[in-house]
């Protein structure tokens, strides 16, 4: 159930009072979602990390697959939230939006690097602004730039709270990395699920009876 529902355009996100930012509750809800189907989410994360590592042998390869794979993870989480089930193959569904997902991944990474270059605080601000673009893309069928603008405007209404949320997600994944990296298999899907919970409460998923399935087509 969303607190603030967008209608036709991303600008509708600015029309109502900002919804409260509740990082700890969102992370707890994210864990609850992942825990319900932990095996599938661990396998999906393993696929994402494995393909990313393989593609990372060539930096260009990592940049190409990163965005679509993250999109696929969000699609899987969205299915779990709306349908109460998971589909392992959803992790590849982001390739159906290959161009937008690719550009989203590239720009979010680029903006993050620019923020990091200007010191740590700008990095967390940029991370907060771009928590939701993948969800706007798959849920509202927006292009990559519209999705980024929608995310920026949504987070900008309560920026300090979203910075704290992003910081907590980073710390959680740092702990996962410190656990011989194995912890990332759990902390990454929890992080993405927490972001999806936040999106659903602040923006609201479009009602659908089921997630569309079909062959993966790369334009």
N, C-alpha and C. Protein backbone atom coordinates (compact mmCIF):
# COMPACT_ATOMS: atom_id res chain seq x y z
N UNK A 1 0.86 -1.19 0.00
CA UNK A 1 0.00 0.00 0.00
C UNK A 1 0.88 1.23 0.00
N UNK A 2 0.70 2.11 -0.95
CA UNK A 2 1.54 3.27 -1.06
C UNK A 2 0.97 4.44 -0.31
N UNK A 3 1.83 5.27 0.27
CA UNK A 3 1.39 6.47 0.95
C UNK A 3 1.10 7.56 -0.04
N UNK A 4 1.93 7.65 -1.08
CA UNK A 4 1.72 8.67 -2.09
C UNK A 4 1.76 7.99 -3.45
N UNK A 5 0.69 8.06 -4.18
CA UNK A 5 0.61 7.38 -5.46
C UNK A 5 0.77 8.37 -6.59
N UNK A 6 1.67 8.02 -7.52
CA UNK A 6 1.86 8.81 -8.72
C UNK A 6 0.84 8.36 -9.75
N UNK A 7 0.47 9.27 -10.63
CA UNK A 7 -0.54 8.93 -11.62
C UNK A 7 0.09 8.83 -13.00
N UNK A 8 0.09 9.90 -13.77
CA UNK A 8 0.51 9.79 -15.15
C UNK A 8 1.94 10.18 -15.41
N UNK A 9 2.50 11.09 -14.65
CA UNK A 9 3.82 11.59 -14.93
C UNK A 9 4.66 11.61 -13.67
N UNK A 10 6.01 11.61 -13.82
CA UNK A 10 6.89 11.67 -12.68
C UNK A 10 6.67 12.91 -11.85
N UNK A 11 6.22 14.01 -12.46
CA UNK A 11 6.04 15.26 -11.74
C UNK A 11 4.96 15.15 -10.67
N UNK A 12 4.10 14.12 -10.78
CA UNK A 12 3.06 13.95 -9.77
C UNK A 12 3.66 13.64 -8.41
N UNK A 13 4.92 13.19 -8.40
CA UNK A 13 5.58 12.89 -7.13
C UNK A 13 5.76 14.13 -6.29
N UNK A 14 5.71 15.29 -6.90
CA UNK A 14 5.92 16.53 -6.17
C UNK A 14 4.62 17.19 -5.77
N UNK A 15 3.48 16.53 -6.05
CA UNK A 15 2.19 17.18 -5.85
C UNK A 15 1.66 17.04 -4.43
N UNK A 16 2.11 16.02 -3.69
CA UNK A 16 1.57 15.76 -2.36
C UNK A 16 2.66 15.96 -1.32
N UNK A 17 2.24 15.97 -0.05
CA UNK A 17 3.20 16.09 1.03
C UNK A 17 4.11 14.87 1.04
N UNK A 18 5.38 15.07 1.38
CA UNK A 18 6.31 13.93 1.36
C UNK A 18 5.95 12.87 2.38
N UNK A 19 6.10 11.62 1.99
CA UNK A 19 5.84 10.51 2.90
C UNK A 19 7.00 10.39 3.88
N UNK A 20 6.75 9.88 5.08
CA UNK A 20 7.83 9.75 6.06
C UNK A 20 8.88 8.75 5.60
N UNK A 21 10.13 9.04 5.92
CA UNK A 21 11.24 8.15 5.59
C UNK A 21 11.52 7.29 6.82
N UNK A 22 11.46 5.97 6.64
CA UNK A 22 11.61 5.05 7.77
C UNK A 22 12.63 3.96 7.42
N UNK A 23 13.91 4.32 7.40
CA UNK A 23 14.95 3.39 6.95
C UNK A 23 14.97 2.06 7.68
N UNK A 24 14.93 2.07 9.00
CA UNK A 24 15.04 0.81 9.74
C UNK A 24 13.85 -0.10 9.46
N UNK A 25 12.66 0.46 9.35
CA UNK A 25 11.49 -0.37 9.08
C UNK A 25 11.55 -0.91 7.66
N UNK A 26 12.01 -0.11 6.70
CA UNK A 26 12.13 -0.58 5.32
C UNK A 26 13.13 -1.72 5.22
N UNK A 27 14.25 -1.60 5.93
CA UNK A 27 15.25 -2.66 5.89
C UNK A 27 14.69 -3.93 6.53
N UNK A 28 13.97 -3.78 7.64
CA UNK A 28 13.34 -4.94 8.26
C UNK A 28 12.34 -5.61 7.34
N UNK A 29 11.54 -4.80 6.62
CA UNK A 29 10.57 -5.36 5.67
C UNK A 29 11.29 -6.02 4.50
N UNK A 30 12.42 -5.46 4.09
CA UNK A 30 13.21 -6.07 3.03
C UNK A 30 13.72 -7.44 3.42
N UNK A 31 14.18 -7.56 4.66
CA UNK A 31 14.64 -8.85 5.16
C UNK A 31 13.49 -9.85 5.19
N UNK A 32 12.31 -9.41 5.59
CA UNK A 32 11.15 -10.30 5.65
C UNK A 32 10.82 -10.84 4.26
N UNK A 33 10.92 -10.00 3.24
CA UNK A 33 10.64 -10.42 1.86
C UNK A 33 11.66 -11.46 1.40
N UNK A 34 12.92 -11.19 1.63
CA UNK A 34 13.99 -12.10 1.20
C UNK A 34 13.92 -13.41 1.98
N UNK A 35 13.65 -13.34 3.27
CA UNK A 35 13.62 -14.52 4.13
C UNK A 35 12.56 -15.52 3.66
N UNK A 36 11.46 -15.00 3.10
CA UNK A 36 10.38 -15.88 2.65
C UNK A 36 10.80 -16.80 1.52
N UNK A 37 11.81 -16.40 0.76
CA UNK A 37 12.30 -17.23 -0.35
C UNK A 37 13.81 -17.05 -0.47
N UNK A 38 14.49 -17.32 0.64
CA UNK A 38 15.92 -17.02 0.74
C UNK A 38 16.73 -17.76 -0.31
N UNK A 39 16.40 -19.03 -0.55
CA UNK A 39 17.17 -19.82 -1.51
C UNK A 39 17.17 -19.20 -2.89
N UNK A 40 15.99 -18.80 -3.37
CA UNK A 40 15.89 -18.20 -4.70
C UNK A 40 16.66 -16.89 -4.78
N UNK A 41 16.53 -16.07 -3.75
CA UNK A 41 17.21 -14.78 -3.79
C UNK A 41 18.72 -14.91 -3.69
N UNK A 42 19.20 -15.88 -2.93
CA UNK A 42 20.64 -16.14 -2.87
C UNK A 42 21.13 -16.60 -4.23
N UNK A 43 20.37 -17.50 -4.87
CA UNK A 43 20.77 -17.97 -6.21
C UNK A 43 20.79 -16.82 -7.22
N UNK A 44 19.77 -15.96 -7.18
CA UNK A 44 19.73 -14.83 -8.10
C UNK A 44 20.93 -13.91 -7.88
N UNK A 45 21.25 -13.65 -6.62
CA UNK A 45 22.39 -12.79 -6.33
C UNK A 45 23.69 -13.44 -6.76
N UNK A 46 23.79 -14.74 -6.60
CA UNK A 46 24.97 -15.47 -7.04
C UNK A 46 25.12 -15.37 -8.56
N UNK A 47 24.00 -15.47 -9.28
CA UNK A 47 24.04 -15.31 -10.73
C UNK A 47 24.51 -13.91 -11.11
N UNK A 48 23.95 -12.90 -10.43
CA UNK A 48 24.32 -11.52 -10.74
C UNK A 48 25.80 -11.29 -10.46
N UNK A 49 26.28 -11.73 -9.30
CA UNK A 49 27.68 -11.51 -8.96
C UNK A 49 28.60 -12.32 -9.87
N UNK A 50 28.18 -13.55 -10.20
CA UNK A 50 29.00 -14.38 -11.07
C UNK A 50 29.12 -13.80 -12.47
N UNK A 51 28.00 -13.39 -13.05
CA UNK A 51 28.04 -12.80 -14.38
C UNK A 51 28.77 -11.47 -14.37
N UNK A 52 28.61 -10.70 -13.31
CA UNK A 52 29.30 -9.42 -13.20
C UNK A 52 30.81 -9.63 -13.11
N UNK A 53 31.22 -10.64 -12.33
CA UNK A 53 32.65 -10.94 -12.20
C UNK A 53 33.22 -11.41 -13.53
N UNK A 54 32.44 -12.25 -14.23
CA UNK A 54 32.90 -12.75 -15.53
C UNK A 54 33.01 -11.60 -16.53
N UNK A 55 31.97 -10.76 -16.58
CA UNK A 55 31.99 -9.62 -17.50
C UNK A 55 33.03 -8.60 -17.08
N UNK A 56 33.31 -8.55 -15.77
CA UNK A 56 34.27 -7.57 -15.25
C UNK A 56 35.69 -7.83 -15.69
N UNK A 57 35.94 -9.02 -16.29
CA UNK A 57 37.26 -9.26 -16.86
C UNK A 57 37.56 -8.22 -17.92
N UNK A 58 36.51 -7.74 -18.56
CA UNK A 58 36.60 -6.57 -19.43
C UNK A 58 35.67 -5.53 -18.84
N UNK A 59 36.22 -4.38 -18.47
CA UNK A 59 35.44 -3.37 -17.77
C UNK A 59 34.17 -3.02 -18.55
N UNK A 60 34.29 -2.97 -19.87
CA UNK A 60 33.13 -2.66 -20.70
C UNK A 60 32.03 -3.68 -20.50
N UNK A 61 32.42 -4.96 -20.36
CA UNK A 61 31.43 -6.01 -20.15
C UNK A 61 30.64 -5.80 -18.89
N UNK A 62 31.31 -5.41 -17.81
CA UNK A 62 30.63 -5.16 -16.55
C UNK A 62 29.64 -4.02 -16.69
N UNK A 63 30.04 -2.96 -17.38
CA UNK A 63 29.15 -1.82 -17.59
C UNK A 63 27.93 -2.21 -18.41
N UNK A 64 28.10 -3.18 -19.30
CA UNK A 64 26.99 -3.59 -20.17
C UNK A 64 25.96 -4.42 -19.41
N UNK A 65 26.41 -5.34 -18.57
CA UNK A 65 25.46 -6.26 -17.93
C UNK A 65 24.94 -5.76 -16.59
N UNK A 66 25.64 -4.80 -15.97
CA UNK A 66 25.28 -4.38 -14.62
C UNK A 66 23.86 -3.87 -14.51
N UNK A 67 23.50 -2.90 -15.34
CA UNK A 67 22.16 -2.31 -15.28
C UNK A 67 21.05 -3.31 -15.52
N UNK A 68 21.12 -4.12 -16.58
CA UNK A 68 20.07 -5.11 -16.82
C UNK A 68 19.93 -6.14 -15.70
N UNK A 69 21.04 -6.55 -15.09
CA UNK A 69 20.95 -7.53 -14.01
C UNK A 69 20.31 -6.94 -12.76
N UNK A 70 20.64 -5.69 -12.43
CA UNK A 70 19.99 -5.03 -11.29
C UNK A 70 18.50 -4.88 -11.57
N UNK A 71 18.17 -4.52 -12.81
CA UNK A 71 16.76 -4.42 -13.19
C UNK A 71 16.04 -5.74 -12.98
N UNK A 72 16.69 -6.84 -13.37
CA UNK A 72 16.10 -8.15 -13.19
C UNK A 72 15.86 -8.49 -11.73
N UNK A 73 16.80 -8.11 -10.87
CA UNK A 73 16.61 -8.35 -9.44
C UNK A 73 15.39 -7.59 -8.92
N UNK A 74 15.24 -6.34 -9.35
CA UNK A 74 14.08 -5.56 -8.91
C UNK A 74 12.78 -6.16 -9.44
N UNK A 75 12.80 -6.70 -10.66
CA UNK A 75 11.62 -7.35 -11.21
C UNK A 75 11.24 -8.56 -10.35
N UNK A 76 12.24 -9.34 -9.95
CA UNK A 76 11.99 -10.51 -9.12
C UNK A 76 11.41 -10.10 -7.76
N UNK A 77 11.95 -9.06 -7.18
CA UNK A 77 11.47 -8.59 -5.88
C UNK A 77 10.05 -8.05 -6.01
N UNK A 78 9.81 -7.32 -7.08
CA UNK A 78 8.46 -6.78 -7.31
C UNK A 78 7.45 -7.91 -7.46
N UNK A 79 7.82 -8.97 -8.17
CA UNK A 79 6.93 -10.13 -8.31
C UNK A 79 6.63 -10.73 -6.94
N UNK A 80 7.67 -10.87 -6.11
CA UNK A 80 7.47 -11.45 -4.79
C UNK A 80 6.51 -10.60 -3.97
N UNK A 81 6.63 -9.28 -4.07
CA UNK A 81 5.79 -8.39 -3.29
C UNK A 81 4.34 -8.39 -3.78
N UNK A 82 4.15 -8.46 -5.10
CA UNK A 82 2.81 -8.36 -5.66
C UNK A 82 2.12 -9.71 -5.81
N UNK A 83 2.90 -10.77 -6.08
CA UNK A 83 2.31 -12.07 -6.36
C UNK A 83 2.58 -13.10 -5.26
N UNK A 84 3.48 -12.77 -4.35
CA UNK A 84 3.81 -13.72 -3.29
C UNK A 84 4.63 -14.90 -3.74
N UNK A 85 5.34 -14.74 -4.86
CA UNK A 85 6.19 -15.84 -5.35
C UNK A 85 7.40 -15.26 -6.05
N UNK A 86 8.40 -16.08 -6.27
CA UNK A 86 9.63 -15.66 -6.94
C UNK A 86 9.84 -16.52 -8.18
N UNK A 87 10.54 -15.96 -9.13
CA UNK A 87 10.90 -16.69 -10.34
C UNK A 87 12.37 -16.44 -10.61
N UNK A 88 13.16 -17.50 -10.54
CA UNK A 88 14.61 -17.36 -10.70
C UNK A 88 14.98 -16.70 -12.03
N UNK A 89 14.21 -16.98 -13.07
CA UNK A 89 14.55 -16.44 -14.38
C UNK A 89 14.28 -14.95 -14.51
N UNK A 90 13.60 -14.36 -13.53
CA UNK A 90 13.37 -12.92 -13.57
C UNK A 90 14.66 -12.14 -13.58
N UNK A 91 15.72 -12.74 -13.05
CA UNK A 91 16.98 -12.03 -12.99
C UNK A 91 17.48 -11.65 -14.38
N UNK A 92 17.01 -12.34 -15.40
CA UNK A 92 17.41 -12.03 -16.78
C UNK A 92 16.42 -11.13 -17.50
N UNK A 93 15.28 -10.83 -16.87
CA UNK A 93 14.24 -10.07 -17.55
C UNK A 93 14.63 -8.61 -17.80
N UNK A 94 15.62 -8.13 -17.07
CA UNK A 94 16.07 -6.76 -17.30
C UNK A 94 16.63 -6.55 -18.70
N UNK A 95 17.05 -7.63 -19.34
CA UNK A 95 17.58 -7.50 -20.70
C UNK A 95 16.47 -7.17 -21.71
N UNK A 96 15.21 -7.34 -21.31
CA UNK A 96 14.11 -6.91 -22.17
C UNK A 96 14.03 -5.38 -22.25
N UNK A 97 14.61 -4.70 -21.28
CA UNK A 97 14.72 -3.24 -21.30
C UNK A 97 16.18 -2.85 -21.41
N UNK A 98 16.88 -3.53 -22.30
CA UNK A 98 18.34 -3.48 -22.33
C UNK A 98 18.89 -2.06 -22.42
N UNK A 99 18.41 -1.27 -23.36
CA UNK A 99 18.98 0.06 -23.59
C UNK A 99 18.78 0.96 -22.38
N UNK A 100 17.53 1.04 -21.90
CA UNK A 100 17.26 1.88 -20.74
C UNK A 100 18.00 1.39 -19.50
N UNK A 101 18.01 0.07 -19.29
CA UNK A 101 18.71 -0.49 -18.13
C UNK A 101 20.21 -0.24 -18.22
N UNK A 102 20.76 -0.40 -19.41
CA UNK A 102 22.18 -0.14 -19.63
C UNK A 102 22.53 1.31 -19.30
N UNK A 103 21.75 2.24 -19.86
CA UNK A 103 22.03 3.66 -19.64
C UNK A 103 21.82 4.06 -18.18
N UNK A 104 20.80 3.47 -17.55
CA UNK A 104 20.58 3.74 -16.12
C UNK A 104 21.79 3.29 -15.31
N UNK A 105 22.25 2.07 -15.56
CA UNK A 105 23.40 1.56 -14.83
C UNK A 105 24.63 2.42 -15.03
N UNK A 106 24.86 2.82 -16.27
CA UNK A 106 26.03 3.65 -16.58
C UNK A 106 25.96 5.01 -15.90
N UNK A 107 24.81 5.67 -15.99
CA UNK A 107 24.69 7.02 -15.45
C UNK A 107 24.70 7.03 -13.93
N UNK A 108 24.02 6.08 -13.31
CA UNK A 108 24.02 6.02 -11.85
C UNK A 108 25.44 5.77 -11.34
N UNK A 109 26.17 4.86 -12.00
CA UNK A 109 27.56 4.60 -11.61
C UNK A 109 28.44 5.83 -11.84
N UNK A 110 28.24 6.50 -12.97
CA UNK A 110 29.03 7.69 -13.27
C UNK A 110 28.77 8.80 -12.27
N UNK A 111 27.51 9.07 -11.98
CA UNK A 111 27.17 10.12 -11.02
C UNK A 111 27.72 9.77 -9.64
N UNK A 112 27.69 8.49 -9.28
CA UNK A 112 28.24 8.08 -8.00
C UNK A 112 29.74 8.31 -7.92
N UNK A 113 30.45 8.02 -9.02
CA UNK A 113 31.90 8.24 -9.05
C UNK A 113 32.22 9.73 -8.97
N UNK A 114 31.43 10.55 -9.64
CA UNK A 114 31.63 11.99 -9.58
C UNK A 114 31.42 12.48 -8.15
N UNK A 115 30.35 12.00 -7.50
CA UNK A 115 30.10 12.36 -6.11
C UNK A 115 31.23 11.94 -5.20
N UNK A 116 31.77 10.73 -5.43
CA UNK A 116 32.88 10.23 -4.61
C UNK A 116 34.13 11.07 -4.81
N UNK A 117 34.32 11.56 -6.05
CA UNK A 117 35.49 12.39 -6.34
C UNK A 117 35.46 13.70 -5.56
N UNK A 118 34.26 14.16 -5.23
CA UNK A 118 34.12 15.42 -4.50
C UNK A 118 34.05 15.20 -2.99
N UNK A 119 34.35 14.00 -2.54
CA UNK A 119 34.36 13.63 -1.12
C UNK A 119 33.17 12.73 -0.81
N UNK A 120 33.16 12.21 0.38
CA UNK A 120 32.21 11.15 0.73
C UNK A 120 30.78 11.65 0.83
N UNK A 121 30.56 12.87 1.32
CA UNK A 121 29.19 13.36 1.52
C UNK A 121 28.44 13.48 0.20
N UNK A 122 29.03 14.10 -0.84
CA UNK A 122 28.33 14.13 -2.13
C UNK A 122 27.99 12.74 -2.67
N UNK A 123 28.84 11.76 -2.38
CA UNK A 123 28.57 10.40 -2.83
C UNK A 123 27.26 9.88 -2.24
N UNK A 124 27.07 10.11 -0.94
CA UNK A 124 25.85 9.63 -0.29
C UNK A 124 24.63 10.42 -0.74
N UNK A 125 24.81 11.69 -1.07
CA UNK A 125 23.70 12.49 -1.58
C UNK A 125 23.26 11.96 -2.95
N UNK A 126 24.25 11.70 -3.82
CA UNK A 126 23.94 11.15 -5.14
C UNK A 126 23.27 9.79 -5.00
N UNK A 127 23.79 8.95 -4.10
CA UNK A 127 23.20 7.63 -3.89
C UNK A 127 21.76 7.72 -3.43
N UNK A 128 21.46 8.71 -2.58
CA UNK A 128 20.09 8.91 -2.11
C UNK A 128 19.18 9.36 -3.24
N UNK A 129 19.66 10.26 -4.08
CA UNK A 129 18.85 10.75 -5.19
C UNK A 129 18.44 9.61 -6.13
N UNK A 130 19.34 8.65 -6.33
CA UNK A 130 19.10 7.64 -7.36
C UNK A 130 18.88 6.25 -6.76
N UNK A 131 18.08 6.21 -5.70
CA UNK A 131 17.66 4.93 -5.13
C UNK A 131 16.61 4.23 -5.99
N UNK A 132 15.76 5.00 -6.67
CA UNK A 132 14.54 4.44 -7.26
C UNK A 132 14.46 4.39 -8.79
N UNK A 133 15.46 4.78 -9.56
CA UNK A 133 15.23 4.86 -11.01
C UNK A 133 14.89 3.53 -11.68
N UNK A 134 15.50 2.42 -11.22
CA UNK A 134 15.19 1.13 -11.83
C UNK A 134 13.74 0.75 -11.58
N UNK A 135 13.23 1.08 -10.39
CA UNK A 135 11.84 0.78 -10.08
C UNK A 135 10.89 1.66 -10.87
N UNK A 136 11.21 2.93 -11.02
CA UNK A 136 10.37 3.79 -11.86
C UNK A 136 10.34 3.27 -13.30
N UNK A 137 11.47 2.77 -13.78
CA UNK A 137 11.53 2.28 -15.15
C UNK A 137 10.63 1.07 -15.34
N UNK A 138 10.72 0.08 -14.43
CA UNK A 138 9.96 -1.15 -14.64
C UNK A 138 8.51 -1.01 -14.21
N UNK A 139 8.24 -0.16 -13.22
CA UNK A 139 6.88 -0.06 -12.71
C UNK A 139 6.05 0.95 -13.48
N UNK A 140 6.67 2.07 -13.88
CA UNK A 140 5.95 3.12 -14.59
C UNK A 140 6.28 3.17 -16.07
N UNK A 141 7.13 2.23 -16.51
CA UNK A 141 7.50 2.13 -17.92
C UNK A 141 8.10 3.45 -18.42
N UNK A 142 8.99 4.03 -17.63
CA UNK A 142 9.64 5.28 -18.01
C UNK A 142 10.96 5.02 -18.71
N UNK A 143 11.38 5.96 -19.54
CA UNK A 143 12.70 5.92 -20.12
C UNK A 143 13.74 6.19 -19.05
N UNK A 144 15.01 5.96 -19.39
CA UNK A 144 16.06 6.04 -18.37
C UNK A 144 16.16 7.42 -17.74
N UNK A 145 16.06 8.49 -18.54
CA UNK A 145 16.23 9.83 -17.97
C UNK A 145 15.00 10.24 -17.16
N UNK A 146 13.82 9.91 -17.66
CA UNK A 146 12.60 10.20 -16.90
C UNK A 146 12.63 9.48 -15.55
N UNK A 147 13.10 8.23 -15.56
CA UNK A 147 13.17 7.45 -14.32
C UNK A 147 14.16 8.08 -13.34
N UNK A 148 15.27 8.56 -13.84
CA UNK A 148 16.25 9.20 -12.96
C UNK A 148 15.71 10.50 -12.39
N UNK A 149 15.02 11.26 -13.19
CA UNK A 149 14.45 12.52 -12.71
C UNK A 149 13.35 12.26 -11.68
N UNK A 150 12.53 11.23 -11.93
CA UNK A 150 11.48 10.88 -10.98
C UNK A 150 12.08 10.47 -9.64
N UNK A 151 13.16 9.70 -9.69
CA UNK A 151 13.84 9.27 -8.46
C UNK A 151 14.43 10.47 -7.73
N UNK A 152 15.08 11.35 -8.47
CA UNK A 152 15.71 12.53 -7.85
C UNK A 152 14.67 13.41 -7.17
N UNK A 153 13.54 13.63 -7.83
CA UNK A 153 12.50 14.49 -7.26
C UNK A 153 11.86 13.83 -6.03
N UNK A 154 11.67 12.52 -6.10
CA UNK A 154 11.07 11.82 -4.96
C UNK A 154 11.98 11.89 -3.74
N UNK A 155 13.25 11.56 -3.90
CA UNK A 155 14.18 11.58 -2.78
C UNK A 155 14.47 13.00 -2.31
N UNK A 156 14.42 13.96 -3.23
CA UNK A 156 14.72 15.34 -2.88
C UNK A 156 13.75 15.95 -1.90
N UNK A 157 12.58 15.36 -1.77
CA UNK A 157 11.57 15.92 -0.86
C UNK A 157 11.92 15.65 0.61
N UNK A 158 12.67 14.60 0.87
CA UNK A 158 13.12 14.27 2.23
C UNK A 158 14.56 13.78 2.14
N UNK A 159 15.43 14.63 1.60
CA UNK A 159 16.77 14.18 1.23
C UNK A 159 17.57 13.65 2.41
N UNK A 160 17.53 14.33 3.54
CA UNK A 160 18.32 13.90 4.70
C UNK A 160 17.95 12.48 5.11
N UNK A 161 16.65 12.18 5.11
CA UNK A 161 16.21 10.84 5.48
C UNK A 161 16.70 9.79 4.50
N UNK A 162 16.68 10.11 3.21
CA UNK A 162 17.12 9.15 2.21
C UNK A 162 18.64 8.98 2.23
N UNK A 163 19.36 10.02 2.59
CA UNK A 163 20.81 9.88 2.76
C UNK A 163 21.10 8.89 3.88
N UNK A 164 20.38 9.00 4.99
CA UNK A 164 20.55 8.05 6.09
C UNK A 164 20.21 6.63 5.63
N UNK A 165 19.12 6.50 4.87
CA UNK A 165 18.71 5.19 4.34
C UNK A 165 19.81 4.60 3.48
N UNK A 166 20.35 5.39 2.55
CA UNK A 166 21.41 4.91 1.67
C UNK A 166 22.66 4.55 2.47
N UNK A 167 22.99 5.37 3.47
CA UNK A 167 24.15 5.09 4.33
C UNK A 167 23.99 3.75 5.04
N UNK A 168 22.80 3.48 5.58
CA UNK A 168 22.56 2.22 6.27
C UNK A 168 22.67 1.03 5.32
N UNK A 169 22.19 1.20 4.10
CA UNK A 169 22.32 0.12 3.11
C UNK A 169 23.78 -0.15 2.78
N UNK A 170 24.57 0.92 2.65
CA UNK A 170 26.00 0.76 2.37
C UNK A 170 26.69 0.05 3.53
N UNK A 171 26.38 0.43 4.76
CA UNK A 171 26.99 -0.20 5.93
C UNK A 171 26.62 -1.67 6.01
N UNK A 172 25.36 -1.99 5.70
CA UNK A 172 24.92 -3.38 5.75
C UNK A 172 25.70 -4.22 4.73
N UNK A 173 25.90 -3.69 3.53
CA UNK A 173 26.63 -4.43 2.51
C UNK A 173 28.13 -4.48 2.80
N UNK A 174 28.64 -3.46 3.49
CA UNK A 174 30.03 -3.51 3.93
C UNK A 174 30.24 -4.65 4.91
N UNK A 175 29.29 -4.83 5.83
CA UNK A 175 29.36 -5.95 6.76
C UNK A 175 29.29 -7.27 6.00
N UNK A 176 28.41 -7.34 4.99
CA UNK A 176 28.33 -8.55 4.17
C UNK A 176 29.63 -8.84 3.46
N UNK A 177 30.30 -7.79 2.98
CA UNK A 177 31.58 -7.96 2.30
C UNK A 177 32.65 -8.45 3.28
N UNK A 178 32.60 -7.95 4.50
CA UNK A 178 33.59 -8.34 5.51
C UNK A 178 33.44 -9.79 5.93
N UNK A 179 32.27 -10.36 5.74
CA UNK A 179 32.05 -11.77 6.07
C UNK A 179 32.48 -12.65 4.90
N UNK A 180 33.73 -12.46 4.52
CA UNK A 180 34.35 -13.22 3.42
C UNK A 180 33.59 -13.04 2.10
N UNK A 181 32.80 -11.97 2.01
CA UNK A 181 32.04 -11.70 0.80
C UNK A 181 30.78 -12.51 0.68
N UNK A 182 30.69 -13.60 1.45
CA UNK A 182 29.52 -14.48 1.36
C UNK A 182 28.27 -13.76 1.85
N UNK A 183 28.45 -12.88 2.81
CA UNK A 183 27.31 -12.15 3.36
C UNK A 183 26.58 -11.32 2.32
N UNK A 184 27.29 -10.95 1.24
CA UNK A 184 26.66 -10.16 0.18
C UNK A 184 25.51 -10.91 -0.49
N UNK A 185 25.57 -12.24 -0.46
CA UNK A 185 24.50 -13.03 -1.07
C UNK A 185 23.17 -12.79 -0.36
N UNK A 186 23.24 -12.31 0.87
CA UNK A 186 22.03 -12.00 1.62
C UNK A 186 21.80 -10.50 1.71
N UNK A 187 22.88 -9.73 1.94
CA UNK A 187 22.69 -8.29 2.15
C UNK A 187 22.30 -7.56 0.87
N UNK A 188 22.76 -8.03 -0.29
CA UNK A 188 22.38 -7.36 -1.55
C UNK A 188 20.88 -7.49 -1.80
N UNK A 189 20.31 -8.71 -1.78
CA UNK A 189 18.85 -8.77 -1.99
C UNK A 189 18.05 -8.06 -0.91
N UNK A 190 18.53 -8.07 0.34
CA UNK A 190 17.82 -7.32 1.39
C UNK A 190 17.82 -5.84 1.04
N UNK A 191 18.96 -5.32 0.60
CA UNK A 191 19.06 -3.90 0.23
C UNK A 191 18.09 -3.55 -0.88
N UNK A 192 18.07 -4.37 -1.92
CA UNK A 192 17.18 -4.08 -3.05
C UNK A 192 15.72 -4.21 -2.64
N UNK A 193 15.41 -5.20 -1.79
CA UNK A 193 14.04 -5.36 -1.32
C UNK A 193 13.63 -4.18 -0.45
N UNK A 194 14.55 -3.67 0.37
CA UNK A 194 14.25 -2.51 1.21
C UNK A 194 13.95 -1.29 0.35
N UNK A 195 14.70 -1.12 -0.74
CA UNK A 195 14.45 -0.01 -1.66
C UNK A 195 13.08 -0.18 -2.31
N UNK A 196 12.72 -1.43 -2.67
CA UNK A 196 11.42 -1.68 -3.27
C UNK A 196 10.29 -1.40 -2.28
N UNK A 197 10.49 -1.74 -1.02
CA UNK A 197 9.49 -1.45 0.01
C UNK A 197 9.31 0.07 0.14
N UNK A 198 10.43 0.78 0.17
CA UNK A 198 10.36 2.24 0.26
C UNK A 198 9.62 2.83 -0.93
N UNK A 199 9.93 2.34 -2.13
CA UNK A 199 9.25 2.82 -3.33
C UNK A 199 7.75 2.56 -3.24
N UNK A 200 7.39 1.37 -2.80
CA UNK A 200 5.98 1.01 -2.73
C UNK A 200 5.22 1.89 -1.74
N UNK A 201 5.86 2.23 -0.64
CA UNK A 201 5.19 3.05 0.36
C UNK A 201 5.16 4.53 -0.02
N UNK A 202 6.20 4.99 -0.68
CA UNK A 202 6.29 6.41 -1.01
C UNK A 202 5.60 6.73 -2.33
N UNK A 203 5.76 5.85 -3.31
CA UNK A 203 5.21 6.08 -4.66
C UNK A 203 4.00 5.18 -4.91
N UNK A 204 4.19 3.88 -4.68
CA UNK A 204 3.10 2.92 -4.87
C UNK A 204 3.25 2.16 -6.18
N UNK A 205 3.34 0.84 -6.09
CA UNK A 205 3.39 0.03 -7.30
C UNK A 205 2.08 0.13 -8.06
N UNK A 206 2.18 0.13 -9.38
CA UNK A 206 1.00 0.05 -10.21
C UNK A 206 0.36 -1.31 -10.00
N UNK A 207 -0.96 -1.36 -9.79
CA UNK A 207 -1.61 -2.66 -9.57
C UNK A 207 -1.58 -3.52 -10.83
N UNK A 208 -1.11 -4.76 -10.66
CA UNK A 208 -1.09 -5.72 -11.75
C UNK A 208 -1.41 -7.09 -11.19
N UNK A 209 -2.05 -7.91 -11.99
CA UNK A 209 -2.39 -9.24 -11.53
C UNK A 209 -1.17 -10.15 -11.50
N UNK A 210 -0.23 -9.91 -12.43
CA UNK A 210 0.97 -10.71 -12.45
C UNK A 210 2.01 -9.99 -13.27
N UNK A 211 3.26 -10.37 -13.04
CA UNK A 211 4.35 -9.82 -13.83
C UNK A 211 4.37 -10.49 -15.21
N UNK A 212 4.53 -9.72 -16.26
CA UNK A 212 4.59 -10.33 -17.58
C UNK A 212 5.82 -11.21 -17.73
N UNK A 213 5.66 -12.33 -18.43
CA UNK A 213 6.78 -13.21 -18.70
C UNK A 213 6.86 -13.43 -20.20
N UNK A 214 8.01 -13.80 -20.66
CA UNK A 214 8.17 -14.05 -22.07
C UNK A 214 9.64 -14.18 -22.41
N UNK A 215 9.95 -14.36 -23.68
CA UNK A 215 11.36 -14.51 -24.06
C UNK A 215 12.12 -13.22 -23.81
N UNK A 216 13.39 -13.40 -23.50
CA UNK A 216 14.26 -12.24 -23.30
C UNK A 216 14.75 -11.78 -24.67
N UNK A 217 14.49 -10.53 -24.98
CA UNK A 217 14.87 -9.98 -26.27
C UNK A 217 15.76 -8.77 -26.04
N UNK A 218 16.97 -8.83 -26.53
CA UNK A 218 17.88 -7.69 -26.44
C UNK A 218 17.76 -6.90 -27.73
N UNK A 219 17.32 -5.61 -27.64
CA UNK A 219 17.15 -4.81 -28.85
C UNK A 219 18.45 -4.68 -29.63
